[in-house]
Amino acid sequence: MNNEFDFDSEDLGFEHFEPDFDEFEEVEDEDVFVRTAVLSKNNMIALLCVKTANEGGAICRVDPREAQPSVQVYDTPEKALEWFNKSLRTSHQNGWRIVYDGLPLQG
């Protein structure tokens, strides 16, 4: 069967990829906070997500008007949550309707 999604590792450039997981600090699941907001406007759906740990955080925004998702990394979880809330508030002021705000959806 010829499947257009069957790739050889050589095709992807991963044939010599060996990550060094020792350089990453282990983070306990209970130390991680994740929140996802799904927004709707004019038949468009957007996502705004935040993920924090003890020493930092990141916000990911998926906007249908942009070609790629954007990610912003923060030094502290407090800053990530502050900017997540500001972005959510600004989106709401710009006419986006919040249709879901909570834990990441499963399934």
N, C-alpha and C. Protein backbone atom coordinates (compact mmCIF):
# COMPACT_ATOMS: atom_id res chain seq x y z
N MET A 1 0.84 -1.18 0.00
CA MET A 1 0.00 0.00 0.00
C MET A 1 0.88 1.24 0.00
N ASN A 2 0.62 2.15 -0.87
CA ASN A 2 1.41 3.37 -0.98
C ASN A 2 0.71 4.47 -0.21
N ASN A 3 1.26 4.81 0.93
CA ASN A 3 0.69 5.85 1.78
C ASN A 3 1.57 7.08 1.69
N GLU A 4 1.00 8.22 1.37
CA GLU A 4 1.80 9.44 1.20
C GLU A 4 2.46 9.90 2.50
N PHE A 5 2.06 9.32 3.64
CA PHE A 5 2.61 9.72 4.92
C PHE A 5 3.66 8.75 5.45
N ASP A 6 4.05 7.74 4.68
CA ASP A 6 5.11 6.83 5.09
C ASP A 6 6.45 7.48 4.77
N PHE A 7 7.22 7.80 5.80
CA PHE A 7 8.50 8.45 5.63
C PHE A 7 9.60 7.56 6.17
N ASP A 8 10.72 7.54 5.50
CA ASP A 8 11.91 6.90 6.04
C ASP A 8 12.57 7.90 6.97
N SER A 9 13.29 7.39 7.99
CA SER A 9 13.97 8.30 8.92
C SER A 9 14.97 9.17 8.18
N GLU A 10 15.55 8.66 7.12
CA GLU A 10 16.51 9.46 6.34
C GLU A 10 15.83 10.66 5.69
N ASP A 11 14.59 10.48 5.26
CA ASP A 11 13.85 11.57 4.63
C ASP A 11 13.60 12.73 5.59
N LEU A 12 13.48 12.42 6.87
CA LEU A 12 13.17 13.43 7.86
C LEU A 12 14.41 14.05 8.49
N GLY A 13 15.58 13.51 8.23
CA GLY A 13 16.80 14.04 8.81
C GLY A 13 17.01 13.63 10.25
N PHE A 14 16.36 12.55 10.70
CA PHE A 14 16.47 12.11 12.08
C PHE A 14 17.39 10.90 12.24
N GLU A 15 18.07 10.50 11.20
CA GLU A 15 18.85 9.26 11.30
C GLU A 15 19.96 9.33 12.34
N HIS A 16 20.44 10.53 12.67
CA HIS A 16 21.49 10.67 13.67
C HIS A 16 21.02 11.41 14.91
N PHE A 17 19.73 11.50 15.08
CA PHE A 17 19.17 12.25 16.20
C PHE A 17 19.17 11.39 17.45
N GLU A 18 19.91 11.82 18.45
CA GLU A 18 19.94 11.14 19.74
C GLU A 18 19.86 12.20 20.82
N PRO A 19 18.66 12.48 21.33
CA PRO A 19 18.53 13.54 22.34
C PRO A 19 19.24 13.16 23.63
N ASP A 20 19.78 14.15 24.30
CA ASP A 20 20.43 13.97 25.59
C ASP A 20 19.44 14.38 26.67
N PHE A 21 18.67 13.41 27.16
CA PHE A 21 17.63 13.70 28.14
C PHE A 21 18.21 14.01 29.51
N ASP A 22 19.49 13.75 29.74
CA ASP A 22 20.11 14.04 31.02
C ASP A 22 20.15 15.54 31.30
N GLU A 23 20.12 16.37 30.26
CA GLU A 23 20.21 17.81 30.46
C GLU A 23 18.88 18.43 30.92
N PHE A 24 17.79 17.66 30.84
CA PHE A 24 16.49 18.17 31.26
C PHE A 24 16.22 17.78 32.71
N GLU A 25 15.76 18.76 33.49
CA GLU A 25 15.41 18.49 34.88
C GLU A 25 14.05 17.81 34.94
N GLU A 26 13.94 16.83 35.81
CA GLU A 26 12.69 16.10 35.98
C GLU A 26 11.67 17.00 36.68
N VAL A 27 10.46 17.08 36.14
CA VAL A 27 9.39 17.88 36.73
C VAL A 27 8.25 16.94 37.10
N GLU A 28 7.81 17.02 38.33
CA GLU A 28 6.69 16.20 38.79
C GLU A 28 5.39 16.71 38.17
N ASP A 29 4.47 15.79 37.86
CA ASP A 29 3.20 16.17 37.25
C ASP A 29 2.42 17.15 38.11
N GLU A 30 2.49 16.99 39.43
CA GLU A 30 1.70 17.88 40.28
C GLU A 30 2.25 19.31 40.29
N ASP A 31 3.47 19.51 39.77
CA ASP A 31 4.06 20.84 39.69
C ASP A 31 3.71 21.55 38.39
N VAL A 32 3.01 20.88 37.51
CA VAL A 32 2.68 21.43 36.19
C VAL A 32 1.23 21.87 36.17
N PHE A 33 1.00 23.09 35.68
CA PHE A 33 -0.35 23.64 35.53
C PHE A 33 -0.59 23.87 34.04
N VAL A 34 -1.73 23.40 33.54
CA VAL A 34 -2.08 23.57 32.14
C VAL A 34 -3.51 24.10 32.06
N ARG A 35 -3.70 25.09 31.20
CA ARG A 35 -5.03 25.66 30.99
C ARG A 35 -5.19 25.95 29.51
N THR A 36 -6.35 25.61 28.96
CA THR A 36 -6.64 25.80 27.54
C THR A 36 -7.91 26.61 27.38
N ALA A 37 -7.87 27.61 26.52
CA ALA A 37 -9.07 28.38 26.18
C ALA A 37 -9.33 28.22 24.69
N VAL A 38 -10.58 27.91 24.37
CA VAL A 38 -11.02 27.83 22.98
C VAL A 38 -11.89 29.05 22.73
N LEU A 39 -11.56 29.78 21.67
CA LEU A 39 -12.27 31.02 21.36
C LEU A 39 -12.91 30.92 19.98
N SER A 40 -13.99 31.67 19.79
CA SER A 40 -14.72 31.65 18.53
C SER A 40 -15.06 33.07 18.11
N LYS A 41 -14.94 33.32 16.79
CA LYS A 41 -15.31 34.62 16.24
C LYS A 41 -15.49 34.46 14.72
N ASN A 42 -16.63 34.89 14.21
CA ASN A 42 -16.87 34.89 12.76
C ASN A 42 -16.52 33.56 12.10
N ASN A 43 -17.03 32.47 12.65
CA ASN A 43 -16.78 31.12 12.12
C ASN A 43 -15.31 30.71 12.17
N MET A 44 -14.53 31.33 13.03
CA MET A 44 -13.13 30.94 13.24
C MET A 44 -13.00 30.39 14.66
N ILE A 45 -12.07 29.47 14.84
CA ILE A 45 -11.75 28.92 16.15
C ILE A 45 -10.27 29.20 16.42
N ALA A 46 -9.99 29.66 17.63
CA ALA A 46 -8.60 29.92 18.04
C ALA A 46 -8.36 29.23 19.38
N LEU A 47 -7.10 28.94 19.68
CA LEU A 47 -6.71 28.33 20.95
C LEU A 47 -5.71 29.22 21.65
N LEU A 48 -5.84 29.31 22.95
CA LEU A 48 -4.87 30.00 23.78
C LEU A 48 -4.58 29.06 24.95
N CYS A 49 -3.33 28.65 25.08
CA CYS A 49 -2.96 27.66 26.09
C CYS A 49 -1.80 28.19 26.92
N VAL A 50 -1.79 27.82 28.20
CA VAL A 50 -0.68 28.16 29.07
C VAL A 50 -0.26 26.89 29.79
N LYS A 51 1.04 26.75 29.97
CA LYS A 51 1.60 25.63 30.72
C LYS A 51 2.71 26.19 31.59
N THR A 52 2.62 25.92 32.90
CA THR A 52 3.63 26.43 33.81
C THR A 52 4.20 25.28 34.64
N ALA A 53 5.40 25.51 35.13
CA ALA A 53 6.06 24.60 36.06
C ALA A 53 6.69 25.47 37.14
N ASN A 54 7.49 24.88 38.00
CA ASN A 54 8.07 25.63 39.13
C ASN A 54 8.87 26.85 38.70
N GLU A 55 9.57 26.75 37.59
CA GLU A 55 10.52 27.81 37.23
C GLU A 55 10.25 28.45 35.88
N GLY A 56 9.01 28.49 35.44
CA GLY A 56 8.74 29.15 34.18
C GLY A 56 7.41 28.74 33.60
N GLY A 57 7.17 29.22 32.41
CA GLY A 57 5.92 28.89 31.75
C GLY A 57 5.96 29.30 30.29
N ALA A 58 4.93 28.89 29.57
CA ALA A 58 4.84 29.22 28.15
C ALA A 58 3.37 29.39 27.78
N ILE A 59 3.15 30.28 26.83
CA ILE A 59 1.82 30.49 26.26
C ILE A 59 1.91 30.12 24.78
N CYS A 60 0.94 29.34 24.32
CA CYS A 60 0.86 28.98 22.91
C CYS A 60 -0.46 29.54 22.37
N ARG A 61 -0.37 30.20 21.24
CA ARG A 61 -1.55 30.78 20.60
C ARG A 61 -1.67 30.20 19.20
N VAL A 62 -2.84 29.63 18.91
CA VAL A 62 -3.15 29.14 17.57
C VAL A 62 -4.25 30.03 17.03
N ASP A 63 -3.89 30.87 16.08
CA ASP A 63 -4.80 31.85 15.49
C ASP A 63 -5.03 31.46 14.03
N PRO A 64 -6.26 31.28 13.60
CA PRO A 64 -6.51 30.86 12.21
C PRO A 64 -6.05 31.87 11.17
N ARG A 65 -5.79 33.09 11.58
CA ARG A 65 -5.32 34.12 10.64
C ARG A 65 -3.82 34.09 10.45
N GLU A 66 -3.13 33.30 11.27
CA GLU A 66 -1.68 33.18 11.20
C GLU A 66 -1.29 31.83 10.61
N ALA A 67 -0.18 31.79 9.88
CA ALA A 67 0.26 30.56 9.24
C ALA A 67 0.78 29.52 10.24
N GLN A 68 1.37 29.98 11.33
CA GLN A 68 1.97 29.09 12.32
C GLN A 68 1.50 29.46 13.72
N PRO A 69 1.44 28.49 14.62
CA PRO A 69 1.19 28.82 16.03
C PRO A 69 2.35 29.64 16.58
N SER A 70 2.09 30.42 17.62
CA SER A 70 3.17 31.18 18.24
C SER A 70 3.30 30.76 19.69
N VAL A 71 4.54 30.75 20.18
CA VAL A 71 4.83 30.37 21.56
C VAL A 71 5.68 31.45 22.18
N GLN A 72 5.29 31.85 23.38
CA GLN A 72 6.06 32.82 24.15
C GLN A 72 6.45 32.16 25.46
N VAL A 73 7.74 32.20 25.79
CA VAL A 73 8.26 31.57 27.01
C VAL A 73 8.53 32.65 28.05
N TYR A 74 8.21 32.33 29.31
CA TYR A 74 8.37 33.26 30.42
C TYR A 74 9.25 32.65 31.50
N ASP A 75 9.98 33.51 32.21
CA ASP A 75 10.90 33.06 33.26
C ASP A 75 10.19 32.55 34.50
N THR A 76 9.00 33.05 34.78
CA THR A 76 8.28 32.64 35.98
C THR A 76 6.87 32.19 35.62
N PRO A 77 6.30 31.28 36.40
CA PRO A 77 4.91 30.87 36.14
C PRO A 77 3.94 32.03 36.33
N GLU A 78 4.24 32.92 37.26
CA GLU A 78 3.37 34.07 37.51
C GLU A 78 3.27 34.98 36.28
N LYS A 79 4.40 35.23 35.62
CA LYS A 79 4.39 36.07 34.41
C LYS A 79 3.61 35.40 33.30
N ALA A 80 3.78 34.09 33.14
CA ALA A 80 3.05 33.37 32.09
C ALA A 80 1.54 33.47 32.34
N LEU A 81 1.11 33.25 33.58
CA LEU A 81 -0.31 33.35 33.90
C LEU A 81 -0.83 34.77 33.74
N GLU A 82 -0.02 35.75 34.13
CA GLU A 82 -0.42 37.15 33.96
C GLU A 82 -0.68 37.48 32.49
N TRP A 83 0.24 37.08 31.62
CA TRP A 83 0.10 37.39 30.20
C TRP A 83 -0.98 36.54 29.53
N PHE A 84 -1.19 35.33 30.01
CA PHE A 84 -2.29 34.51 29.51
C PHE A 84 -3.61 35.22 29.79
N ASN A 85 -3.79 35.68 31.03
CA ASN A 85 -5.03 36.37 31.39
C ASN A 85 -5.20 37.67 30.62
N LYS A 86 -4.11 38.41 30.41
CA LYS A 86 -4.19 39.64 29.61
C LYS A 86 -4.59 39.33 28.17
N SER A 87 -4.00 38.29 27.59
CA SER A 87 -4.32 37.90 26.21
C SER A 87 -5.77 37.46 26.10
N LEU A 88 -6.24 36.71 27.08
CA LEU A 88 -7.63 36.25 27.06
C LEU A 88 -8.59 37.44 27.17
N ARG A 89 -8.27 38.38 28.06
CA ARG A 89 -9.10 39.57 28.23
C ARG A 89 -9.11 40.43 26.96
N THR A 90 -7.94 40.62 26.35
CA THR A 90 -7.84 41.40 25.11
C THR A 90 -8.62 40.73 23.98
N SER A 91 -8.50 39.42 23.88
CA SER A 91 -9.24 38.69 22.83
C SER A 91 -10.74 38.88 23.02
N HIS A 92 -11.20 38.80 24.25
CA HIS A 92 -12.62 38.99 24.55
C HIS A 92 -13.05 40.41 24.16
N GLN A 93 -12.23 41.41 24.48
CA GLN A 93 -12.54 42.80 24.13
C GLN A 93 -12.57 43.00 22.61
N ASN A 94 -11.80 42.17 21.88
CA ASN A 94 -11.75 42.27 20.42
C ASN A 94 -12.82 41.42 19.73
N GLY A 95 -13.80 40.94 20.51
CA GLY A 95 -14.93 40.25 19.91
C GLY A 95 -14.86 38.73 19.90
N TRP A 96 -13.82 38.16 20.45
CA TRP A 96 -13.73 36.70 20.53
C TRP A 96 -14.59 36.22 21.68
N ARG A 97 -15.34 35.16 21.44
CA ARG A 97 -16.19 34.56 22.47
C ARG A 97 -15.46 33.35 23.05
N ILE A 98 -15.37 33.27 24.35
CA ILE A 98 -14.70 32.15 25.01
C ILE A 98 -15.71 31.01 25.12
N VAL A 99 -15.46 29.92 24.38
CA VAL A 99 -16.40 28.79 24.39
C VAL A 99 -15.94 27.68 25.33
N TYR A 100 -14.68 27.70 25.74
CA TYR A 100 -14.17 26.73 26.71
C TYR A 100 -12.96 27.35 27.40
N ASP A 101 -12.86 27.13 28.70
CA ASP A 101 -11.71 27.62 29.46
C ASP A 101 -11.49 26.64 30.61
N GLY A 102 -10.44 25.85 30.53
CA GLY A 102 -10.19 24.87 31.58
C GLY A 102 -9.03 23.96 31.24
N LEU A 103 -9.12 22.73 31.75
CA LEU A 103 -8.08 21.74 31.48
C LEU A 103 -8.09 21.38 30.01
N PRO A 104 -6.96 20.89 29.49
CA PRO A 104 -6.94 20.47 28.08
C PRO A 104 -8.02 19.41 27.83
N LEU A 105 -8.64 19.50 26.68
CA LEU A 105 -9.68 18.55 26.34
C LEU A 105 -9.07 17.18 26.02
N GLN A 106 -9.70 16.15 26.47
CA GLN A 106 -9.25 14.78 26.21
C GLN A 106 -10.24 14.10 25.27
N GLY A 107 -9.72 13.53 24.17
CA GLY A 107 -10.59 12.73 23.30
C GLY A 107 -11.25 13.46 22.21
